[in-house]
Amino acid sequence: MPKTPADSAKDEKKSPAARSLEREQRSQRNKDEELDRGLKDTFPASDPVSPTGSTTSGAPREKKR
């Protein structure tokens, strides 16, 4: 949702702690929404959804000299 000039003025009056808390809450909502989408996209399934990113296993590459 785009911010209005009134929203921007309100944000300027907030303390850094309040702005930080709002950012954390937005981040958590985004993670929750992503998990919900993943659950809906895979239902019904026998394996649970993993809300984490994928990684590559194995030893790190050796540096060329």
PDB file of N, CA and C in Angstrom:
ATOM      1  N   MET A   1       0.850  -1.159   0.000  1.00  0.00           N
ATOM      2  CA  MET A   1       0.000   0.000   0.000  1.00  0.00           C
ATOM      3  C   MET A   1       0.904   1.233   0.000  1.00  0.00           C
ATOM      4  N   PRO A   2       0.684   2.169  -0.929  1.00  0.00           N
ATOM      5  CA  PRO A   2       1.514   3.365  -0.987  1.00  0.00           C
ATOM      6  C   PRO A   2       1.271   4.268   0.217  1.00  0.00           C
ATOM      7  N   LYS A   3       2.333   4.943   0.620  1.00  0.00           N
ATOM      8  CA  LYS A   3       2.231   5.858   1.749  1.00  0.00           C
ATOM      9  C   LYS A   3       1.700   7.206   1.290  1.00  0.00           C
ATOM     10  N   THR A   4       0.887   7.792   2.125  1.00  0.00           N
ATOM     11  CA  THR A   4       0.374   9.137   1.864  1.00  0.00           C
ATOM     12  C   THR A   4       1.286  10.133   2.563  1.00  0.00           C
ATOM     13  N   PRO A   5       1.191  11.422   2.220  1.00  0.00           N
ATOM     14  CA  PRO A   5       1.987  12.419   2.937  1.00  0.00           C
ATOM     15  C   PRO A   5       1.704  12.405   4.443  1.00  0.00           C
ATOM     16  N   ALA A   6       0.475  12.121   4.834  1.00  0.00           N
ATOM     17  CA  ALA A   6       0.141  12.054   6.264  1.00  0.00           C
ATOM     18  C   ALA A   6       0.867  10.899   6.928  1.00  0.00           C
ATOM     19  N   ASP A   7       0.977   9.749   6.226  1.00  0.00           N
ATOM     20  CA  ASP A   7       1.704   8.607   6.775  1.00  0.00           C
ATOM     21  C   ASP A   7       3.177   8.950   6.965  1.00  0.00           C
ATOM     22  N   SER A   8       3.761   9.645   5.994  1.00  0.00           N
ATOM     23  CA  SER A   8       5.170  10.024   6.086  1.00  0.00           C
ATOM     24  C   SER A   8       5.412  10.954   7.264  1.00  0.00           C
ATOM     25  N   ALA A   9       4.495  11.884   7.498  1.00  0.00           N
ATOM     26  CA  ALA A   9       4.623  12.801   8.631  1.00  0.00           C
ATOM     27  C   ALA A   9       4.533  12.045   9.945  1.00  0.00           C
ATOM     28  N   LYS A  10       3.653  11.046  10.013  1.00  0.00           N
ATOM     29  CA  LYS A  10       3.527  10.236  11.228  1.00  0.00           C
ATOM     30  C   LYS A  10       4.810   9.445  11.471  1.00  0.00           C
ATOM     31  N   ASP A  11       5.397   8.906  10.398  1.00  0.00           N
ATOM     32  CA  ASP A  11       6.621   8.119  10.525  1.00  0.00           C
ATOM     33  C   ASP A  11       7.770   8.961  11.070  1.00  0.00           C
ATOM     34  N   GLU A  12       7.832  10.236  10.674  1.00  0.00           N
ATOM     35  CA  GLU A  12       8.911  11.105  11.135  1.00  0.00           C
ATOM     36  C   GLU A  12       8.826  11.350  12.638  1.00  0.00           C
ATOM     37  N   LYS A  13       7.628  11.285  13.208  1.00  0.00           N
ATOM     38  CA  LYS A  13       7.439  11.542  14.628  1.00  0.00           C
ATOM     39  C   LYS A  13       7.720  10.301  15.479  1.00  0.00           C
ATOM     40  N   LYS A  14       7.831   9.142  14.862  1.00  0.00           N
ATOM     41  CA  LYS A  14       8.056   7.901  15.604  1.00  0.00           C
ATOM     42  C   LYS A  14       9.526   7.775  15.997  1.00  0.00           C
ATOM     43  N   SER A  15       9.735   7.117  17.123  1.00  0.00           N
ATOM     44  CA  SER A  15      11.101   6.892  17.581  1.00  0.00           C
ATOM     45  C   SER A  15      11.751   5.811  16.713  1.00  0.00           C
ATOM     46  N   PRO A  16      13.084   5.758  16.712  1.00  0.00           N
ATOM     47  CA  PRO A  16      13.756   4.694  15.953  1.00  0.00           C
ATOM     48  C   PRO A  16      13.325   3.299  16.413  1.00  0.00           C
ATOM     49  N   ALA A  17      13.075   3.143  17.711  1.00  0.00           N
ATOM     50  CA  ALA A  17      12.645   1.834  18.218  1.00  0.00           C
ATOM     51  C   ALA A  17      11.276   1.451  17.653  1.00  0.00           C
ATOM     52  N   ALA A  18      10.366   2.419  17.559  1.00  0.00           N
ATOM     53  CA  ALA A  18       9.032   2.139  17.021  1.00  0.00           C
ATOM     54  C   ALA A  18       9.118   1.763  15.544  1.00  0.00           C
ATOM     55  N   ARG A  19       9.969   2.484  14.793  1.00  0.00           N
ATOM     56  CA  ARG A  19      10.121   2.161  13.371  1.00  0.00           C
ATOM     57  C   ARG A  19      10.749   0.779  13.197  1.00  0.00           C
ATOM     58  N   SER A  20      11.716   0.451  14.052  1.00  0.00           N
ATOM     59  CA  SER A  20      12.359  -0.863  13.983  1.00  0.00           C
ATOM     60  C   SER A  20      11.352  -1.974  14.279  1.00  0.00           C
ATOM     61  N   LEU A  21      10.520  -1.773  15.293  1.00  0.00           N
ATOM     62  CA  LEU A  21       9.499  -2.763  15.635  1.00  0.00           C
ATOM     63  C   LEU A  21       8.536  -2.968  14.468  1.00  0.00           C
ATOM     64  N   GLU A  22       8.127  -1.889  13.833  1.00  0.00           N
ATOM     65  CA  GLU A  22       7.214  -2.010  12.689  1.00  0.00           C
ATOM     66  C   GLU A  22       7.864  -2.770  11.539  1.00  0.00           C
ATOM     67  N   ARG A  23       9.155  -2.526  11.303  1.00  0.00           N
ATOM     68  CA  ARG A  23       9.855  -3.267  10.241  1.00  0.00           C
ATOM     69  C   ARG A  23       9.899  -4.753  10.571  1.00  0.00           C
ATOM     70  N   GLU A  24      10.184  -5.093  11.816  1.00  0.00           N
ATOM     71  CA  GLU A  24      10.219  -6.500  12.217  1.00  0.00           C
ATOM     72  C   GLU A  24       8.845  -7.151  12.071  1.00  0.00           C
ATOM     73  N   GLN A  25       7.804  -6.421  12.441  1.00  0.00           N
ATOM     74  CA  GLN A  25       6.450  -6.970  12.324  1.00  0.00           C
ATOM     75  C   GLN A  25       6.084  -7.194  10.864  1.00  0.00           C
ATOM     76  N   ARG A  26       6.454  -6.259   9.982  1.00  0.00           N
ATOM     77  CA  ARG A  26       6.182  -6.431   8.547  1.00  0.00           C
ATOM     78  C   ARG A  26       6.947  -7.638   8.013  1.00  0.00           C
ATOM     79  N   SER A  27       8.198  -7.781   8.450  1.00  0.00           N
ATOM     80  CA  SER A  27       9.006  -8.912   7.999  1.00  0.00           C
ATOM     81  C   SER A  27       8.377 -10.229   8.435  1.00  0.00           C
ATOM     82  N   GLN A  28       7.907 -10.295   9.669  1.00  0.00           N
ATOM     83  CA  GLN A  28       7.272 -11.519  10.167  1.00  0.00           C
ATOM     84  C   GLN A  28       5.987 -11.818   9.401  1.00  0.00           C
ATOM     85  N   ARG A  29       5.198 -10.778   9.116  1.00  0.00           N
ATOM     86  CA  ARG A  29       3.963 -10.994   8.337  1.00  0.00           C
ATOM     87  C   ARG A  29       4.302 -11.537   6.958  1.00  0.00           C
ATOM     88  N   ASN A  30       5.371 -11.002   6.347  1.00  0.00           N
ATOM     89  CA  ASN A  30       5.775 -11.484   5.019  1.00  0.00           C
ATOM     90  C   ASN A  30       6.180 -12.956   5.078  1.00  0.00           C
ATOM     91  N   LYS A  31       6.909 -13.337   6.130  1.00  0.00           N
ATOM     92  CA  LYS A  31       7.315 -14.734   6.278  1.00  0.00           C
ATOM     93  C   LYS A  31       6.096 -15.624   6.494  1.00  0.00           C
ATOM     94  N   ASP A  32       5.155 -15.155   7.299  1.00  0.00           N
ATOM     95  CA  ASP A  32       3.942 -15.937   7.549  1.00  0.00           C
ATOM     96  C   ASP A  32       3.136 -16.114   6.266  1.00  0.00           C
ATOM     97  N   GLU A  33       3.031 -15.038   5.467  1.00  0.00           N
ATOM     98  CA  GLU A  33       2.297 -15.116   4.208  1.00  0.00           C
ATOM     99  C   GLU A  33       2.984 -16.078   3.244  1.00  0.00           C
ATOM    100  N   GLU A  34       4.320 -16.055   3.220  1.00  0.00           N
ATOM    101  CA  GLU A  34       5.065 -16.967   2.344  1.00  0.00           C
ATOM    102  C   GLU A  34       4.832 -18.415   2.748  1.00  0.00           C
ATOM    103  N   LEU A  35       4.839 -18.686   4.042  1.00  0.00           N
ATOM    104  CA  LEU A  35       4.582 -20.039   4.532  1.00  0.00           C
ATOM    105  C   LEU A  35       3.153 -20.465   4.191  1.00  0.00           C
ATOM    106  N   ASP A  36       2.186 -19.572   4.381  1.00  0.00           N
ATOM    107  CA  ASP A  36       0.798 -19.897   4.048  1.00  0.00           C
ATOM    108  C   ASP A  36       0.645 -20.235   2.568  1.00  0.00           C
ATOM    109  N   ARG A  37       1.299 -19.440   1.693  1.00  0.00           N
ATOM    110  CA  ARG A  37       1.235 -19.725   0.253  1.00  0.00           C
ATOM    111  C   ARG A  37       1.845 -21.091  -0.040  1.00  0.00           C
ATOM    112  N   GLY A  38       2.976 -21.384   0.597  1.00  0.00           N
ATOM    113  CA  GLY A  38       3.623 -22.673   0.383  1.00  0.00           C
ATOM    114  C   GLY A  38       2.747 -23.824   0.822  1.00  0.00           C
ATOM    115  N   LEU A  39       2.072 -23.641   1.961  1.00  0.00           N
ATOM    116  CA  LEU A  39       1.177 -24.696   2.444  1.00  0.00           C
ATOM    117  C   LEU A  39       0.005 -24.906   1.496  1.00  0.00           C
ATOM    118  N   LYS A  40      -0.572 -23.814   1.010  1.00  0.00           N
ATOM    119  CA  LYS A  40      -1.712 -23.920   0.088  1.00  0.00           C
ATOM    120  C   LYS A  40      -1.292 -24.560  -1.230  1.00  0.00           C
ATOM    121  N   ASP A  41      -0.079 -24.217  -1.704  1.00  0.00           N
ATOM    122  CA  ASP A  41       0.392 -24.735  -2.992  1.00  0.00           C
ATOM    123  C   ASP A  41       0.727 -26.221  -2.936  1.00  0.00           C
ATOM    124  N   THR A  42       1.010 -26.750  -1.765  1.00  0.00           N
ATOM    125  CA  THR A  42       1.421 -28.145  -1.673  1.00  0.00           C
ATOM    126  C   THR A  42       0.373 -29.044  -1.045  1.00  0.00           C
ATOM    127  N   PHE A  43      -0.773 -28.510  -0.666  1.00  0.00           N
ATOM    128  CA  PHE A  43      -1.793 -29.313  -0.005  1.00  0.00           C
ATOM    129  C   PHE A  43      -2.601 -30.066  -1.037  1.00  0.00           C
ATOM    130  N   PRO A  44      -2.981 -31.279  -0.869  1.00  0.00           N
ATOM    131  CA  PRO A  44      -2.514 -32.213   0.150  1.00  0.00           C
ATOM    132  C   PRO A  44      -1.194 -32.825  -0.290  1.00  0.00           C
ATOM    133  N   ALA A  45      -0.360 -33.088   0.662  1.00  0.00           N
ATOM    134  CA  ALA A  45       0.944 -33.688   0.370  1.00  0.00           C
ATOM    135  C   ALA A  45       1.393 -34.516   1.569  1.00  0.00           C
ATOM    136  N   SER A  46       2.284 -35.431   1.319  1.00  0.00           N
ATOM    137  CA  SER A  46       2.752 -36.283   2.414  1.00  0.00           C
ATOM    138  C   SER A  46       3.940 -35.669   3.145  1.00  0.00           C
ATOM    139  N   ASP A  47       4.663 -34.767   2.488  1.00  0.00           N
ATOM    140  CA  ASP A  47       5.835 -34.150   3.111  1.00  0.00           C
ATOM    141  C   ASP A  47       5.489 -32.736   3.575  1.00  0.00           C
ATOM    142  N   PRO A  48       5.970 -32.351   4.759  1.00  0.00           N
ATOM    143  CA  PRO A  48       5.700 -30.996   5.243  1.00  0.00           C
ATOM    144  C   PRO A  48       6.477 -29.956   4.444  1.00  0.00           C
ATOM    145  N   VAL A  49       5.978 -28.751   4.426  1.00  0.00           N
ATOM    146  CA  VAL A  49       6.626 -27.640   3.738  1.00  0.00           C
ATOM    147  C   VAL A  49       7.778 -27.137   4.585  1.00  0.00           C
ATOM    148  N   SER A  50       8.869 -26.800   3.950  1.00  0.00           N
ATOM    149  CA  SER A  50      10.011 -26.212   4.646  1.00  0.00           C
ATOM    150  C   SER A  50      10.033 -24.717   4.369  1.00  0.00           C
ATOM    151  N   PRO A  51       9.888 -23.883   5.411  1.00  0.00           N
ATOM    152  CA  PRO A  51       9.863 -22.438   5.184  1.00  0.00           C
ATOM    153  C   PRO A  51      11.248 -21.828   5.030  1.00  0.00           C
ATOM    154  N   THR A  52      12.294 -22.624   4.997  1.00  0.00           N
ATOM    155  CA  THR A  52      13.651 -22.094   4.882  1.00  0.00           C
ATOM    156  C   THR A  52      14.137 -22.200   3.450  1.00  0.00           C
ATOM    157  N   GLY A  53      15.193 -21.475   3.148  1.00  0.00           N
ATOM    158  CA  GLY A  53      15.784 -21.511   1.826  1.00  0.00           C
ATOM    159  C   GLY A  53      16.595 -22.772   1.622  1.00  0.00           C
ATOM    160  N   SER A  54      16.926 -23.044   0.401  1.00  0.00           N
ATOM    161  CA  SER A  54      17.709 -24.241   0.108  1.00  0.00           C
ATOM    162  C   SER A  54      19.196 -23.904   0.138  1.00  0.00           C
ATOM    163  N   THR A  55      20.004 -24.909   0.390  1.00  0.00           N
ATOM    164  CA  THR A  55      21.454 -24.746   0.389  1.00  0.00           C
ATOM    165  C   THR A  55      22.066 -25.860  -0.439  1.00  0.00           C
ATOM    166  N   THR A  56      23.313 -25.684  -0.779  1.00  0.00           N
ATOM    167  CA  THR A  56      24.041 -26.695  -1.524  1.00  0.00           C
ATOM    168  C   THR A  56      24.986 -27.389  -0.568  1.00  0.00           C
ATOM    169  N   SER A  57      24.968 -28.721  -0.577  1.00  0.00           N
ATOM    170  CA  SER A  57      25.847 -29.457   0.316  1.00  0.00           C
ATOM    171  C   SER A  57      27.165 -29.749  -0.367  1.00  0.00           C
ATOM    172  N   GLY A  58      28.155 -30.090   0.426  1.00  0.00           N
ATOM    173  CA  GLY A  58      29.458 -30.440  -0.114  1.00  0.00           C
ATOM    174  C   GLY A  58      30.530 -29.510   0.403  1.00  0.00           C
ATOM    175  N   ALA A  59      31.737 -29.859   0.104  1.00  0.00           N
ATOM    176  CA  ALA A  59      32.883 -29.063   0.541  1.00  0.00           C
ATOM    177  C   ALA A  59      32.991 -27.797  -0.303  1.00  0.00           C
ATOM    178  N   PRO A  60      33.582 -26.756   0.250  1.00  0.00           N
ATOM    179  CA  PRO A  60      33.769 -25.537  -0.546  1.00  0.00           C
ATOM    180  C   PRO A  60      34.741 -25.784  -1.688  1.00  0.00           C
ATOM    181  N   ARG A  61      34.609 -25.011  -2.717  1.00  0.00           N
ATOM    182  CA  ARG A  61      35.501 -25.150  -3.862  1.00  0.00           C
ATOM    183  C   ARG A  61      36.909 -24.751  -3.477  1.00  0.00           C
ATOM    184  N   GLU A  62      37.865 -25.439  -4.087  1.00  0.00           N
ATOM    185  CA  GLU A  62      39.258 -25.099  -3.834  1.00  0.00           C
ATOM    186  C   GLU A  62      39.638 -23.903  -4.693  1.00  0.00           C
ATOM    187  N   LYS A  63      40.442 -23.017  -4.121  1.00  0.00           N
ATOM    188  CA  LYS A  63      40.886 -21.834  -4.868  1.00  0.00           C
ATOM    189  C   LYS A  63      41.981 -22.227  -5.852  1.00  0.00           C
ATOM    190  N   LYS A  64      41.917 -21.678  -7.061  1.00  0.00           N
ATOM    191  CA  LYS A  64      42.958 -21.928  -8.059  1.00  0.00           C
ATOM    192  C   LYS A  64      44.111 -20.994  -7.770  1.00  0.00           C
ATOM    193  N   ARG A  65      45.280 -21.480  -7.976  1.00  0.00           N
ATOM    194  CA  ARG A  65      46.479 -20.665  -7.719  1.00  0.00           C
ATOM    195  C   ARG A  65      47.049 -20.131  -8.981  1.00  0.00           C
TER     196      ARG A  65
END
